[in-house]
Amino acid sequence: MRLLAFRDADTDRALGVSADGITFHAVTALAPDLPNQIEIVLGSNGALDRLAALLAAAGPGRPLSQITLLPFLGRANAFWALALNFKTHIAETGLTTSLDYPHLFLRTAASYVGSGEPIVAPPEQVARAFDYEGELGVVIGKPGRHIPVERALEHVAGYTIVNEGSVREYQMHNRQFGLGKNFEASGSYGPWMVTRDAFGDPTRHSIETRLNGIVRQRSGLDDLLVGVAQTVAYLSKGYRLRPGDMIAMGTPGALPPAENDTEGRDLSRQYGPFPTPGLVHMRPDDRVEIEVSGLGVLSNPLIADEPASYRIG
């Protein structure tokens, strides 16, 4: 089952469920007593199972083409992300990281948009090394603290796709990634959350990132250095995981460019700290697509941010 948030002519924000990624039903139509906040639904015992049963028994749904998809998390919560968690990404950067603990940082809700919404590229006078990072997103459903690794997946409600857009110049200003990982509307997630039972074992899936139709990243999710269960258990030692917390599990390395891939082979057009064959920065008027098997496709156009001039509001 897919759980999503949407806007249409009748409502600014509502929840929906879909079985096929083509049609959907509004949650208010299937279960009027359930709240219209995904974090509450995720934290309500048995709510997802109930929605799945109602969806299976429902008649034809509305086409998804009639609505605008929104980021499905309705309020700011903890958006964790992992750095250097694919072995291929570690190899291409030459950086080192712990083999025992996930390399974690936080992102803000304002740094993400939904599927189909424009990602905002910073002005060139601010930064030019603006990179896609296709990632698996993990959504927490059951709260918990000091969770054993062997029970960690019980606390996962489902999975989504993340484009963890990164502004490399700002990322390298100091030892904390900070602002380079939190530019306004620099990343995206969606188009929906697929429940854990429907997605299955993450290591049996794969991820692919395409920029303007050209494949730039491709990897099996079994290349993760630290897995989902280990990351969930580790985070829970520090604080109580809450429904709606999300974890982006890290990005693979760049796919080597083809012989005729002039752009991917031109390292003079790269402005980040680690020139890499096959890496191409995101720019206005591009389109980036990230596909995870079993989850679908997260697709976003790129637009230019406003010029770097002082403004209020």
Protein backbone atom coordinates (compact mmCIF):
# COMPACT_ATOMS: atom_id res chain seq x y z
CA MET A 1 0.00 0.00 0.00
CA ARG A 2 1.11 3.52 -0.78
CA LEU A 3 0.28 6.36 1.61
CA LEU A 4 0.35 9.87 0.15
CA ALA A 5 -0.66 13.49 0.72
CA PHE A 6 -2.38 15.53 -1.95
CA ARG A 7 -4.06 18.78 -2.91
CA ASP A 8 -7.00 19.17 -5.30
CA ALA A 9 -9.79 21.62 -6.07
CA ASP A 10 -11.62 20.73 -2.86
CA THR A 11 -8.86 20.63 -0.26
CA ASP A 12 -5.44 22.13 0.40
CA ARG A 13 -4.14 18.97 2.03
CA ALA A 14 -5.53 15.48 2.53
CA LEU A 15 -4.26 11.92 2.87
CA GLY A 16 -4.78 9.20 0.31
CA VAL A 17 -3.94 5.53 -0.21
CA SER A 18 -3.13 3.75 -3.44
CA ALA A 19 -2.69 0.10 -4.34
CA ASP A 20 -1.27 0.52 -7.85
CA GLY A 21 0.32 3.98 -8.06
CA ILE A 22 -2.22 4.94 -10.72
CA THR A 23 -5.46 5.48 -8.78
CA PHE A 24 -6.13 6.38 -5.15
CA HIS A 25 -8.78 6.78 -2.47
CA ALA A 26 -8.95 9.61 0.05
CA VAL A 27 -8.50 8.38 3.60
CA THR A 28 -11.50 10.46 4.68
CA ALA A 29 -13.66 8.45 2.28
CA LEU A 30 -12.42 5.06 3.45
CA ALA A 31 -12.15 5.79 7.17
CA PRO A 32 -13.77 9.13 8.14
CA ASP A 33 -12.79 8.65 11.79
CA LEU A 34 -9.06 8.60 11.08
CA PRO A 35 -7.19 11.90 11.43
CA ASN A 36 -5.90 13.77 8.41
CA GLN A 37 -2.33 13.83 9.80
CA ILE A 38 0.02 11.11 8.65
CA GLU A 39 2.13 11.20 11.82
CA ILE A 40 -0.95 10.36 13.90
CA VAL A 41 -2.03 7.64 11.47
CA LEU A 42 1.45 6.08 11.56
CA GLY A 43 1.43 6.11 15.35
CA SER A 44 -2.09 4.67 15.70
CA ASN A 45 -2.01 0.96 16.44
CA GLY A 46 -3.55 -1.02 13.57
CA ALA A 47 -4.38 2.04 11.41
CA LEU A 48 -2.23 1.00 8.44
CA ASP A 49 -3.57 -2.57 8.49
CA ARG A 50 -7.10 -1.22 8.61
CA LEU A 51 -6.50 1.10 5.67
CA ALA A 52 -4.97 -1.74 3.67
CA ALA A 53 -8.05 -3.91 4.25
CA LEU A 54 -10.42 -1.06 3.33
CA LEU A 55 -8.41 -0.30 0.20
CA ALA A 56 -8.49 -3.93 -0.89
CA ALA A 57 -12.29 -3.95 -0.58
CA ALA A 58 -12.85 -0.54 -2.21
CA GLY A 59 -14.07 -0.03 -5.75
CA PRO A 60 -12.32 1.95 -8.49
CA GLY A 61 -10.41 4.98 -7.25
CA ARG A 62 -9.69 8.41 -8.66
CA PRO A 63 -6.77 8.85 -11.08
CA LEU A 64 -3.66 10.25 -9.43
CA SER A 65 -3.36 12.53 -12.46
CA GLN A 66 -6.26 14.59 -11.04
CA ILE A 67 -4.34 15.71 -7.94
CA THR A 68 -1.10 17.40 -6.90
CA LEU A 69 1.12 15.28 -4.70
CA LEU A 70 2.55 16.95 -1.60
CA PRO A 71 5.34 15.97 0.80
CA PHE A 72 3.51 13.32 2.81
CA LEU A 73 4.94 14.33 6.19
CA GLY A 74 2.72 17.12 7.39
CA ARG A 75 4.87 18.70 10.08
CA ALA A 76 8.54 19.23 10.77
CA ASN A 77 10.06 16.31 12.62
CA ALA A 78 13.51 14.71 12.64
CA PHE A 79 14.96 14.29 9.14
CA TRP A 80 18.15 12.32 9.61
CA ALA A 81 20.55 11.56 6.76
CA LEU A 82 23.62 9.35 6.44
CA ALA A 83 26.86 10.38 4.80
CA LEU A 84 29.36 7.98 3.24
CA ASN A 85 27.08 4.98 3.62
CA PHE A 86 27.59 3.41 0.17
CA LYS A 87 30.91 1.70 -0.43
CA THR A 88 31.08 3.12 -3.98
CA HIS A 89 30.61 6.68 -2.67
CA ILE A 90 33.37 6.19 -0.10
CA ALA A 91 35.67 4.91 -2.83
CA GLU A 92 35.08 7.86 -5.20
CA THR A 93 35.64 10.53 -2.50
CA GLY A 94 38.60 8.87 -0.82
CA LEU A 95 37.14 9.90 2.53
CA THR A 96 37.12 7.68 5.59
CA THR A 97 34.27 6.96 7.95
CA SER A 98 33.47 4.69 10.86
CA LEU A 99 32.83 1.07 10.00
CA ASP A 100 30.80 0.66 13.19
CA TYR A 101 28.56 3.74 13.47
CA PRO A 102 26.44 5.62 10.93
CA HIS A 103 27.72 9.07 9.91
CA LEU A 104 24.65 11.16 10.69
CA PHE A 105 23.47 14.73 10.18
CA LEU A 106 20.11 16.53 10.22
CA ARG A 107 18.11 18.30 7.53
CA THR A 108 15.26 20.76 7.94
CA ALA A 109 11.73 20.38 6.60
CA ALA A 110 12.21 23.57 4.55
CA SER A 111 14.98 21.91 2.54
CA TYR A 112 12.60 19.34 0.99
CA VAL A 113 9.83 19.58 -1.62
CA GLY A 114 7.45 16.90 -2.88
CA SER A 115 7.43 14.84 -6.06
CA GLY A 116 6.81 16.98 -9.12
CA GLU A 117 7.58 20.21 -7.29
CA PRO A 118 10.60 22.27 -8.42
CA ILE A 119 13.93 21.89 -6.66
CA VAL A 120 15.63 25.27 -6.34
CA ALA A 121 19.20 25.60 -7.61
CA PRO A 122 21.28 28.27 -5.83
CA PRO A 123 22.49 31.29 -7.83
CA GLU A 124 25.86 30.62 -9.46
CA GLN A 125 27.49 33.48 -7.53
CA VAL A 126 26.54 31.59 -4.34
CA ALA A 127 27.40 28.00 -5.37
CA ARG A 128 27.84 25.93 -8.53
CA ALA A 129 28.45 22.41 -7.19
CA PHE A 130 24.82 21.42 -6.60
CA ASP A 131 24.55 17.64 -6.65
CA TYR A 132 21.77 15.03 -6.70
CA GLU A 133 21.94 12.22 -4.16
CA GLY A 134 19.47 9.41 -4.79
CA GLU A 135 18.67 7.67 -1.51
CA LEU A 136 16.31 5.25 0.20
CA GLY A 137 14.13 7.00 2.78
CA VAL A 138 13.00 5.18 5.94
CA VAL A 139 9.85 6.39 7.74
CA ILE A 140 9.35 5.58 11.42
CA GLY A 141 5.89 4.42 12.51
CA LYS A 142 6.19 2.91 15.98
CA PRO A 143 7.90 5.08 18.63
CA GLY A 144 10.67 3.55 20.67
CA ARG A 145 13.85 3.97 22.67
CA HIS A 146 16.86 1.65 23.04
CA ILE A 147 15.49 -0.58 20.29
CA PRO A 148 17.35 -3.88 19.77
CA VAL A 149 18.66 -4.37 16.24
CA GLU A 150 16.61 -7.53 15.84
CA ARG A 151 13.39 -5.58 16.52
CA ALA A 152 14.30 -2.34 14.73
CA LEU A 153 12.36 -3.03 11.52
CA GLU A 154 9.16 -3.39 13.58
CA HIS A 155 9.45 0.38 14.15
CA VAL A 156 9.61 1.16 10.42
CA ALA A 157 6.25 2.11 8.89
CA GLY A 158 7.53 2.18 5.33
CA TYR A 159 9.94 3.51 2.75
CA THR A 160 10.16 6.37 0.28
CA ILE A 161 12.60 7.89 -2.22
CA VAL A 162 14.83 10.83 -1.34
CA ASN A 163 16.86 13.26 -3.43
CA GLU A 164 19.23 14.59 -0.80
CA GLY A 165 20.39 17.60 -2.84
CA SER A 166 23.75 18.91 -1.65
CA VAL A 167 25.51 22.25 -2.13
CA ARG A 168 29.11 21.06 -1.98
CA GLU A 169 30.88 24.40 -1.49
CA TYR A 170 28.90 25.12 1.68
CA GLN A 171 29.13 21.52 2.79
CA MET A 172 32.92 21.85 2.86
CA HIS A 173 33.10 25.14 4.78
CA ASN A 174 33.63 23.32 8.07
CA ARG A 175 33.51 19.90 9.71
CA GLN A 176 29.72 19.97 10.02
CA PHE A 177 27.75 19.61 6.77
CA GLY A 178 25.15 22.07 8.09
CA LEU A 179 24.01 24.65 5.56
CA GLY A 180 25.35 22.76 2.54
CA LYS A 181 22.73 20.10 3.25
CA ASN A 182 19.90 22.53 4.05
CA PHE A 183 19.56 25.09 1.28
CA GLU A 184 15.93 26.12 0.74
CA ALA A 185 14.00 23.53 -1.33
CA SER A 186 17.25 21.83 -2.34
CA GLY A 187 16.00 18.24 -2.00
CA SER A 188 12.85 16.20 -2.37
CA TYR A 189 11.12 13.05 -1.20
CA GLY A 190 8.14 10.99 -2.30
CA PRO A 191 6.07 10.44 -4.29
CA TRP A 192 4.57 8.38 -1.43
CA MET A 193 5.42 6.02 1.38
CA VAL A 194 5.21 2.30 0.58
CA THR A 195 4.45 0.22 3.65
CA ARG A 196 7.13 -2.08 5.03
CA ASP A 197 5.26 -5.29 4.22
CA ALA A 198 4.75 -4.25 0.59
CA PHE A 199 8.38 -3.19 0.07
CA GLY A 200 10.05 -6.10 1.80
CA ASP A 201 13.77 -6.44 2.43
CA PRO A 202 15.58 -3.23 1.36
CA THR A 203 18.74 -5.11 0.43
CA ARG A 204 16.84 -6.91 -2.34
CA HIS A 205 16.11 -3.61 -4.12
CA SER A 206 18.09 -1.22 -6.30
CA ILE A 207 18.34 2.52 -6.89
CA GLU A 208 18.95 4.57 -10.04
CA THR A 209 19.34 8.33 -10.52
CA ARG A 210 18.80 9.96 -13.92
CA LEU A 211 19.63 13.55 -14.83
CA ASN A 212 17.93 14.67 -18.04
CA GLY A 213 17.35 11.03 -18.90
CA ILE A 214 20.99 9.94 -18.49
CA VAL A 215 21.70 7.42 -15.74
CA ARG A 216 24.17 8.95 -13.27
CA GLN A 217 23.85 6.58 -10.29
CA ARG A 218 22.91 2.90 -10.15
CA SER A 219 23.41 0.46 -7.29
CA GLY A 220 21.89 -2.34 -5.32
CA LEU A 221 20.83 -1.36 -1.82
CA ASP A 222 22.91 -4.24 -0.53
CA ASP A 223 25.94 -1.92 -0.94
CA LEU A 224 24.95 0.01 2.20
CA LEU A 225 27.73 0.12 4.78
CA VAL A 226 25.29 0.43 7.71
CA GLY A 227 21.84 -1.09 7.19
CA VAL A 228 18.38 0.15 8.10
CA ALA A 229 17.99 -1.91 11.28
CA GLN A 230 21.39 -0.90 12.63
CA THR A 231 20.69 2.79 11.94
CA VAL A 232 17.26 2.73 13.62
CA ALA A 233 18.68 0.96 16.69
CA TYR A 234 21.60 3.39 16.90
CA LEU A 235 19.39 6.51 16.72
CA SER A 236 17.07 5.14 19.40
CA LYS A 237 19.91 5.07 21.91
CA GLY A 238 20.03 8.84 21.83
CA TYR A 239 16.37 9.81 21.78
CA ARG A 240 12.85 8.46 21.47
CA LEU A 241 12.09 7.82 17.83
CA ARG A 242 8.73 9.32 16.87
CA PRO A 243 6.17 8.53 14.17
CA GLY A 244 7.09 10.57 11.10
CA ASP A 245 10.84 10.63 11.73
CA MET A 246 12.61 10.01 8.43
CA ILE A 247 16.09 8.67 7.68
CA ALA A 248 17.83 9.06 4.30
CA MET A 249 20.19 6.12 4.02
CA GLY A 250 23.00 7.58 1.90
CA THR A 251 23.83 7.74 -1.79
CA PRO A 252 25.88 5.55 -4.16
CA GLY A 253 28.85 6.69 -6.19
CA ALA A 254 28.69 8.07 -9.71
CA LEU A 255 28.22 5.66 -12.60
CA PRO A 256 31.24 5.73 -14.95
CA PRO A 257 30.35 7.76 -18.07
CA ALA A 258 29.81 6.17 -21.45
CA GLU A 259 32.28 6.83 -24.28
CA ASN A 260 29.93 9.37 -25.89
CA ASP A 261 29.02 11.09 -22.60
CA THR A 262 30.86 14.36 -23.17
CA GLU A 263 29.29 16.10 -20.19
CA GLY A 264 30.02 13.27 -17.78
CA ARG A 265 33.67 13.12 -18.91
CA ASP A 266 34.35 16.87 -18.70
CA LEU A 267 35.87 17.35 -15.23
CA SER A 268 36.47 21.04 -15.97
CA ARG A 269 32.73 21.59 -15.47
CA GLN A 270 32.82 20.23 -11.92
CA TYR A 271 33.23 22.65 -9.02
CA GLY A 272 33.07 20.36 -6.01
CA PRO A 273 35.97 19.07 -3.91
CA PHE A 274 36.10 15.62 -5.55
CA PRO A 275 36.05 15.73 -9.39
CA THR A 276 34.48 12.44 -10.44
CA PRO A 277 33.91 11.01 -13.93
CA GLY A 278 30.17 10.63 -14.47
CA LEU A 279 29.14 13.30 -11.98
CA VAL A 280 27.17 16.22 -13.44
CA HIS A 281 25.92 19.07 -11.25
CA MET A 282 22.20 19.94 -11.24
CA ARG A 283 21.28 23.20 -12.93
CA PRO A 284 18.10 25.19 -13.69
CA ASP A 285 15.92 23.61 -16.41
CA ASP A 286 17.24 20.11 -15.63
CA ARG A 287 15.01 17.26 -14.54
CA VAL A 288 16.18 14.71 -12.01
CA GLU A 289 14.52 11.33 -11.54
CA ILE A 290 15.30 8.78 -8.86
CA GLU A 291 13.87 5.29 -9.13
CA VAL A 292 13.90 2.65 -6.41
CA SER A 293 12.57 -0.77 -7.34
CA GLY A 294 9.34 -1.38 -5.46
CA LEU A 295 8.83 2.31 -4.67
CA GLY A 296 8.40 4.05 -8.01
CA VAL A 297 9.96 7.25 -9.35
CA LEU A 298 10.63 10.58 -7.65
CA SER A 299 10.77 13.24 -10.36
CA ASN A 300 11.53 16.96 -10.00
CA PRO A 301 12.31 19.84 -12.35
CA LEU A 302 15.07 22.30 -11.43
CA ILE A 303 14.50 26.06 -11.29
CA ALA A 304 16.82 28.94 -10.45
CA ASP A 305 16.67 30.58 -7.07
CA GLU A 306 16.13 34.33 -6.92
CA PRO A 307 19.25 36.46 -7.33
CA ALA A 308 21.46 36.79 -4.24
CA SER A 309 20.15 40.15 -3.06
CA TYR A 310 18.85 41.23 0.34
CA ARG A 311 15.11 40.76 0.81
CA ILE A 312 12.68 40.50 3.70
CA GLY A 313 10.23 37.61 3.89
